[in-house]
Amino acid sequence: MNYSINHLSAAVACLSIAPATSWACASCGCTLNADAAMGYSSMPGWRLSFEYDYIHQDQLRSGTHTISGVPDGTELERETLNRYYTVGVDYSPNADWNIDLRVPYVARTHSTYGEFDSTQPLSALSYSRSSSLGDIKLIGSYQGILPTHNLGLQLGVKLPTGRYGTDVKFNSGPLAGEPLDASLQPGTGSTDIIVGAYYYQPISLNFEFFANAQFQSAVKSKQDQPGNDYRPGNSTTVSFGVRYAANPKWVPQLQMNLLHKSVDQGALADIYSTAGYVAYVSPGMTVQVAGNLHAFGFAQLPVYSDLVGYQLFPRYTFSVGASYAF
């Protein structure tokens, strides 16, 4: 991905940490299109960025509706709070090529009542708290297809650098010492392939349209022993929207972000409650602070969800950060 020094610089790189990094509710989370938020460009050089993403999942949903409880024998989760701190290094040797490295640090708290039984009082809450490196992503982009450099193809990999497995446990409550759900751990233990494409085009003097699609699939997992295996489900994201760049120092933007997540697989997976379709409207803005230093802020507001099983869902997410080009 590239940056436009005259229009935008760094913005939210949620797709660089999600959905490959587990979101607790595997169908939920931040799906903002980082490439579009940053503003596509063919300018060569280095960029450093930092992003903070906040996702509080406290709304229990199933299908397209909010629910107040779950059937007997089903886990009743209370809430999950995700905070992601991501450092990015981006390099474009020329107008055709770009390489982007994203290194996330994941801080997550989660609470659950455990298996629900309507004949018994609610169990005491069990809590988990974890803070560690997440799964790193490295994505290459080629945008030399057209002479205008506004059509790009992406190929990348997500590496199993985050913590995973039975050493990630509940900290307190009745489940203390028990392994945390695989979809709640900082890493997935899988190596994933990432393929995508993007296109952007001015549609008037001050407005620019963009569209992006990206597919991610695990091709190898370190958790592959029979009875102790886990493979995160495939994910497909589609984003489109417009930027208003009449003033290069203040660039508002509106995105529509769509995500389809398929079910996780394996003995360690919560197969029933890890799939669905979600859609967000994402308003935001980037500002030129000084020279090549830019700051940004974006919010995501869910407008539709169709979730398999019973999942915790955010009422909103927000992301802030900054980048410097040199």
Protein backbone atom coordinates (compact mmCIF):
# COMPACT_ATOMS: atom_id res chain seq x y z
CA MET A 1 0.00 0.00 0.00
CA ASN A 2 1.18 3.54 -0.71
CA TYR A 3 0.52 6.93 0.77
CA SER A 4 -0.34 10.26 -0.81
CA ILE A 5 1.72 12.98 0.84
CA ASN A 6 -0.52 15.66 -0.68
CA HIS A 7 -3.79 14.03 0.33
CA LEU A 8 -3.59 11.39 3.08
CA SER A 9 -1.10 9.46 5.09
CA ALA A 10 -1.44 6.63 7.54
CA ALA A 11 -4.77 5.51 8.85
CA VAL A 12 -6.18 2.45 10.37
CA ALA A 13 -4.53 -0.85 9.51
CA CYS A 14 -7.24 -3.04 11.05
CA LEU A 15 -7.11 -5.44 8.16
CA SER A 16 -3.48 -6.01 8.97
CA ILE A 17 -4.52 -7.46 12.39
CA ALA A 18 -8.01 -8.55 11.58
CA PRO A 19 -9.55 -10.91 10.90
CA ALA A 20 -6.37 -13.00 10.85
CA THR A 21 -5.86 -12.21 14.50
CA SER A 22 -8.73 -13.69 16.48
CA TRP A 23 -11.46 -11.26 17.47
CA ALA A 24 -13.15 -13.28 20.25
CA CYS A 25 -16.32 -13.05 18.21
CA ALA A 26 -14.64 -14.32 15.08
CA SER A 27 -17.11 -12.54 12.80
CA CYS A 28 -16.75 -9.21 14.56
CA GLY A 29 -14.12 -6.56 14.83
CA CYS A 30 -12.53 -3.80 12.84
CA THR A 31 -12.69 -4.23 9.06
CA LEU A 32 -11.61 -0.75 7.97
CA ASN A 33 -9.76 -0.62 4.63
CA ALA A 34 -6.33 0.68 5.59
CA ASP A 35 -5.12 1.15 2.00
CA ALA A 36 -8.04 3.40 1.12
CA ALA A 37 -7.84 5.31 4.39
CA MET A 38 -4.20 6.09 3.69
CA GLY A 39 -4.81 7.23 0.14
CA TYR A 40 -3.34 5.27 -2.74
CA SER A 41 -0.25 6.69 -4.41
CA SER A 42 2.70 5.66 -6.55
CA MET A 43 5.23 7.82 -4.72
CA PRO A 44 8.40 5.92 -3.65
CA GLY A 45 9.93 6.05 -0.20
CA TRP A 46 9.61 4.83 3.40
CA ARG A 47 6.69 5.31 5.81
CA LEU A 48 6.48 4.54 9.51
CA SER A 49 3.11 4.36 11.22
CA PHE A 50 1.44 3.57 14.52
CA GLU A 51 -2.23 2.64 15.02
CA TYR A 52 -4.42 2.08 18.06
CA ASP A 53 -7.66 0.14 17.60
CA TYR A 54 -10.38 -0.21 20.27
CA ILE A 55 -13.06 -2.89 19.99
CA HIS A 56 -15.45 -3.52 22.90
CA GLN A 57 -17.73 -6.50 22.29
CA ASP A 58 -20.54 -6.34 24.85
CA GLN A 59 -23.67 -7.02 22.80
CA LEU A 60 -24.89 -10.62 22.52
CA ARG A 61 -26.29 -11.38 19.07
CA SER A 62 -27.48 -14.32 16.98
CA GLY A 63 -28.51 -14.15 13.35
CA THR A 64 -29.58 -10.58 12.65
CA HIS A 65 -30.85 -9.74 16.13
CA THR A 66 -29.73 -8.82 19.63
CA ILE A 67 -30.57 -11.54 22.16
CA SER A 68 -30.89 -11.58 25.95
CA GLY A 69 -29.74 -15.15 26.62
CA VAL A 70 -28.64 -18.48 25.19
CA PRO A 71 -30.10 -22.01 25.27
CA ASP A 72 -29.09 -24.47 27.97
CA GLY A 73 -25.74 -26.11 27.33
CA THR A 74 -24.42 -23.09 25.40
CA GLU A 75 -21.65 -20.81 26.66
CA LEU A 76 -22.91 -17.46 27.92
CA GLU A 77 -20.18 -14.87 27.35
CA ARG A 78 -20.31 -11.48 29.02
CA GLU A 79 -17.86 -9.22 27.16
CA THR A 80 -14.54 -8.98 25.35
CA LEU A 81 -12.38 -5.84 25.18
CA ASN A 82 -9.73 -5.76 22.45
CA ARG A 83 -6.98 -3.15 22.17
CA TYR A 84 -4.48 -3.36 19.32
CA TYR A 85 -1.23 -1.39 19.03
CA THR A 86 0.28 -1.80 15.57
CA VAL A 87 3.61 -0.60 14.23
CA GLY A 88 3.90 -0.43 10.45
CA VAL A 89 6.88 -0.15 8.11
CA ASP A 90 6.07 0.56 4.47
CA TYR A 91 8.53 0.77 1.55
CA SER A 92 7.97 1.63 -2.13
CA PRO A 93 11.16 1.32 -4.23
CA ASN A 94 9.38 2.74 -7.27
CA ALA A 95 5.94 3.56 -8.67
CA ASP A 96 5.09 -0.08 -9.39
CA TRP A 97 5.93 -1.94 -6.17
CA ASN A 98 5.27 -1.68 -2.46
CA ILE A 99 6.01 -3.84 0.61
CA ASP A 100 4.14 -3.38 3.89
CA LEU A 101 5.04 -4.96 7.26
CA ARG A 102 2.56 -4.82 10.17
CA VAL A 103 3.49 -5.85 13.72
CA PRO A 104 0.56 -5.87 16.20
CA TYR A 105 0.59 -6.02 19.98
CA VAL A 106 -2.67 -7.46 21.36
CA ALA A 107 -4.17 -6.55 24.75
CA ARG A 108 -7.41 -8.42 25.46
CA THR A 109 -9.69 -9.04 28.43
CA HIS A 110 -12.57 -11.51 28.30
CA SER A 111 -15.24 -12.67 30.74
CA THR A 112 -17.73 -15.54 30.55
CA TYR A 113 -20.30 -17.28 32.74
CA GLY A 114 -19.42 -20.61 31.13
CA GLU A 115 -22.05 -23.14 30.10
CA PHE A 116 -25.56 -21.84 30.75
CA ASP A 117 -28.08 -23.88 32.78
CA SER A 118 -31.51 -22.30 33.26
CA THR A 119 -32.18 -24.49 36.31
CA GLN A 120 -29.21 -23.03 38.20
CA PRO A 121 -28.11 -19.52 39.22
CA LEU A 122 -25.57 -17.92 36.92
CA SER A 123 -22.05 -19.19 37.54
CA ALA A 124 -19.38 -16.83 38.80
CA LEU A 125 -17.56 -15.02 36.03
CA SER A 126 -14.29 -16.39 34.68
CA TYR A 127 -11.77 -13.83 33.43
CA SER A 128 -8.83 -13.91 31.06
CA ARG A 129 -6.29 -11.15 30.49
CA SER A 130 -3.52 -11.33 27.92
CA SER A 131 -1.05 -8.86 26.43
CA SER A 132 1.47 -10.05 23.86
CA LEU A 133 2.70 -9.91 20.29
CA GLY A 134 0.08 -10.82 17.69
CA ASP A 135 0.40 -12.35 14.24
CA ILE A 136 2.63 -10.35 11.87
CA LYS A 137 1.59 -9.63 8.27
CA LEU A 138 3.77 -8.92 5.24
CA ILE A 139 1.96 -7.81 2.06
CA GLY A 140 3.40 -6.91 -1.34
CA SER A 141 1.50 -4.78 -3.85
CA TYR A 142 1.98 -4.31 -7.59
CA GLN A 143 0.30 -1.36 -9.29
CA GLY A 144 2.14 -1.20 -12.59
CA ILE A 145 -0.73 -2.75 -14.56
CA LEU A 146 -2.09 0.59 -15.79
CA PRO A 147 -0.02 3.66 -16.70
CA THR A 148 -2.09 5.64 -14.15
CA HIS A 149 -1.05 3.22 -11.35
CA ASN A 150 -4.58 3.19 -9.92
CA LEU A 151 -5.17 -0.57 -10.17
CA GLY A 152 -3.22 -2.81 -7.81
CA LEU A 153 -2.83 -6.48 -6.94
CA GLN A 154 -1.80 -7.73 -3.49
CA LEU A 155 -0.15 -10.93 -2.29
CA GLY A 156 0.93 -11.50 1.28
CA VAL A 157 1.36 -13.82 4.22
CA LYS A 158 0.25 -13.84 7.86
CA LEU A 159 2.81 -15.50 10.14
CA PRO A 160 2.13 -17.47 13.38
CA THR A 161 4.06 -15.11 15.66
CA GLY A 162 1.31 -14.57 18.29
CA ARG A 163 0.80 -16.74 21.37
CA TYR A 164 -1.57 -19.67 20.95
CA GLY A 165 -2.35 -23.08 22.35
CA THR A 166 -2.83 -24.45 25.85
CA ASP A 167 -0.44 -21.96 27.51
CA VAL A 168 -3.03 -19.16 27.04
CA LYS A 169 -5.40 -19.70 29.98
CA PHE A 170 -8.15 -18.15 32.08
CA ASN A 171 -6.67 -16.12 34.94
CA SER A 172 -9.46 -16.27 37.53
CA GLY A 173 -12.92 -17.66 38.25
CA PRO A 174 -14.23 -21.23 37.96
CA LEU A 175 -12.32 -21.73 34.69
CA ALA A 176 -8.97 -20.50 36.07
CA GLY A 177 -6.14 -22.55 34.59
CA GLU A 178 -8.26 -23.82 31.70
CA PRO A 179 -7.10 -23.01 28.12
CA LEU A 180 -8.72 -19.98 26.53
CA ASP A 181 -10.89 -20.47 23.45
CA ALA A 182 -8.72 -20.66 20.34
CA SER A 183 -10.51 -17.70 18.72
CA LEU A 184 -9.68 -15.52 21.76
CA GLN A 185 -5.94 -16.10 21.78
CA PRO A 186 -3.42 -13.48 20.53
CA GLY A 187 -2.37 -15.72 17.62
CA THR A 188 -3.94 -18.47 15.54
CA GLY A 189 -0.86 -20.69 15.11
CA SER A 190 -1.49 -20.67 11.37
CA THR A 191 0.34 -19.40 8.31
CA ASP A 192 -2.18 -17.66 6.05
CA ILE A 193 -2.06 -16.59 2.42
CA ILE A 194 -3.54 -13.19 1.54
CA VAL A 195 -4.63 -12.12 -1.95
CA GLY A 196 -6.37 -8.91 -2.92
CA ALA A 197 -6.94 -6.14 -5.44
CA TYR A 198 -7.81 -2.46 -5.28
CA TYR A 199 -8.88 0.33 -7.61
CA TYR A 200 -9.28 4.07 -7.13
CA GLN A 201 -10.43 6.82 -9.48
CA PRO A 202 -11.26 10.55 -9.22
CA ILE A 203 -14.98 11.05 -9.92
CA SER A 204 -15.00 14.86 -9.75
CA LEU A 205 -12.68 17.73 -8.99
CA ASN A 206 -12.56 16.98 -5.24
CA PHE A 207 -13.96 13.47 -4.81
CA GLU A 208 -12.21 10.13 -5.28
CA PHE A 209 -13.83 6.69 -5.33
CA PHE A 210 -12.07 3.53 -4.17
CA ALA A 211 -12.82 -0.17 -3.91
CA ASN A 212 -10.86 -3.07 -2.45
CA ALA A 213 -11.32 -6.82 -2.01
CA GLN A 214 -9.14 -9.18 0.03
CA PHE A 215 -9.25 -12.92 0.77
CA GLN A 216 -7.34 -14.68 3.55
CA SER A 217 -6.98 -18.42 4.13
CA ALA A 218 -4.86 -20.56 6.46
CA VAL A 219 -2.60 -22.89 4.47
CA LYS A 220 -0.61 -24.42 7.35
CA SER A 221 -1.19 -24.68 11.09
CA LYS A 222 1.10 -25.49 13.99
CA GLN A 223 -2.00 -26.81 15.77
CA ASP A 224 -2.54 -29.84 13.56
CA GLN A 225 -2.41 -32.83 15.90
CA PRO A 226 -5.57 -35.03 15.84
CA GLY A 227 -7.81 -34.05 18.74
CA ASN A 228 -5.70 -30.94 19.36
CA ASP A 229 -6.03 -29.12 16.04
CA TYR A 230 -7.28 -25.68 15.01
CA ARG A 231 -7.64 -23.84 11.72
CA PRO A 232 -9.21 -20.36 11.51
CA GLY A 233 -11.96 -19.95 8.95
CA ASN A 234 -11.42 -18.15 5.65
CA SER A 235 -12.34 -14.48 5.50
CA THR A 236 -13.35 -12.21 2.63
CA THR A 237 -13.53 -8.43 2.96
CA VAL A 238 -14.91 -5.92 0.47
CA SER A 239 -14.66 -2.17 1.01
CA PHE A 240 -15.68 0.84 -1.05
CA GLY A 241 -16.22 4.53 -0.47
CA VAL A 242 -15.24 8.11 -1.24
CA ARG A 243 -12.71 10.71 -0.06
CA TYR A 244 -13.17 14.48 -0.21
CA ALA A 245 -9.82 16.13 -0.88
CA ALA A 246 -10.63 19.78 -1.53
CA ASN A 247 -8.22 20.69 1.29
CA PRO A 248 -5.19 18.36 1.47
CA LYS A 249 -4.72 19.21 5.16
CA TRP A 250 -8.20 17.95 6.13
CA VAL A 251 -9.46 14.93 4.19
CA PRO A 252 -12.76 13.41 5.35
CA GLN A 253 -13.68 9.95 4.13
CA LEU A 254 -16.61 7.54 4.24
CA GLN A 255 -16.25 3.77 3.80
CA MET A 256 -18.60 0.81 3.61
CA ASN A 257 -16.89 -2.34 4.94
CA LEU A 258 -18.27 -5.85 4.35
CA LEU A 259 -16.92 -9.07 5.86
CA HIS A 260 -17.76 -12.74 5.45
CA LYS A 261 -16.08 -15.13 7.89
CA SER A 262 -16.44 -18.92 7.49
CA VAL A 263 -16.44 -21.33 10.43
CA ASP A 264 -13.26 -22.28 12.27
CA GLN A 265 -12.25 -25.92 12.02
CA GLY A 266 -10.66 -28.47 14.35
CA ALA A 267 -11.14 -29.99 17.78
CA LEU A 268 -10.12 -26.72 19.49
CA ALA A 269 -12.49 -24.59 17.42
CA ASP A 270 -15.86 -23.22 18.44
CA ILE A 271 -17.32 -24.38 15.14
CA TYR A 272 -20.85 -23.23 15.91
CA SER A 273 -20.18 -19.57 16.82
CA THR A 274 -17.35 -18.39 14.56
CA ALA A 275 -19.00 -17.46 11.26
CA GLY A 276 -21.19 -14.78 9.79
CA TYR A 277 -21.69 -11.69 7.65
CA VAL A 278 -21.21 -8.13 8.95
CA ALA A 279 -21.36 -4.63 7.45
CA TYR A 280 -20.04 -1.35 8.85
CA VAL A 281 -20.27 2.31 7.86
CA SER A 282 -16.95 3.98 8.69
CA PRO A 283 -16.61 7.79 8.75
CA GLY A 284 -13.21 9.30 9.43
CA MET A 285 -10.63 11.93 8.64
CA THR A 286 -6.89 12.36 8.19
CA VAL A 287 -5.10 15.60 8.94
CA GLN A 288 -1.69 16.94 8.00
CA VAL A 289 -0.06 17.84 11.32
CA ALA A 290 3.21 19.19 9.90
CA GLY A 291 5.13 18.34 6.74
CA ASN A 292 5.06 14.58 6.21
CA LEU A 293 3.52 13.88 9.63
CA HIS A 294 -0.17 12.97 9.49
CA ALA A 295 -2.73 11.88 12.08
CA PHE A 296 -6.06 10.14 11.63
CA GLY A 297 -9.26 9.08 13.37
CA PHE A 298 -11.96 6.66 12.20
CA ALA A 299 -15.05 5.07 13.73
CA GLN A 300 -16.92 1.98 12.58
CA LEU A 301 -20.67 1.76 13.10
CA PRO A 302 -22.31 -1.65 12.47
CA VAL A 303 -25.35 -1.48 10.19
CA TYR A 304 -25.94 -5.21 9.61
CA SER A 305 -24.92 -8.56 11.03
CA ASP A 306 -25.99 -12.13 10.37
CA LEU A 307 -24.05 -14.23 12.86
CA VAL A 308 -23.96 -18.01 13.19
CA GLY A 309 -24.57 -19.21 16.74
CA TYR A 310 -24.28 -16.80 19.69
CA GLN A 311 -21.58 -14.16 19.47
CA LEU A 312 -20.47 -10.99 21.24
CA PHE A 313 -20.65 -7.99 18.91
CA PRO A 314 -19.31 -4.40 19.18
CA ARG A 315 -21.70 -1.46 19.17
CA TYR A 316 -18.88 0.57 17.57
CA THR A 317 -15.11 0.54 17.11
CA PHE A 318 -12.64 3.39 16.78
CA SER A 319 -9.06 3.77 15.61
CA VAL A 320 -6.50 6.58 15.86
CA GLY A 321 -2.89 6.92 14.88
CA ALA A 322 -0.18 8.72 12.97
CA SER A 323 2.43 8.20 10.27
CA TYR A 324 5.58 9.83 8.99
CA ALA A 325 6.87 9.64 5.39
CA PHE A 326 10.52 10.11 4.47
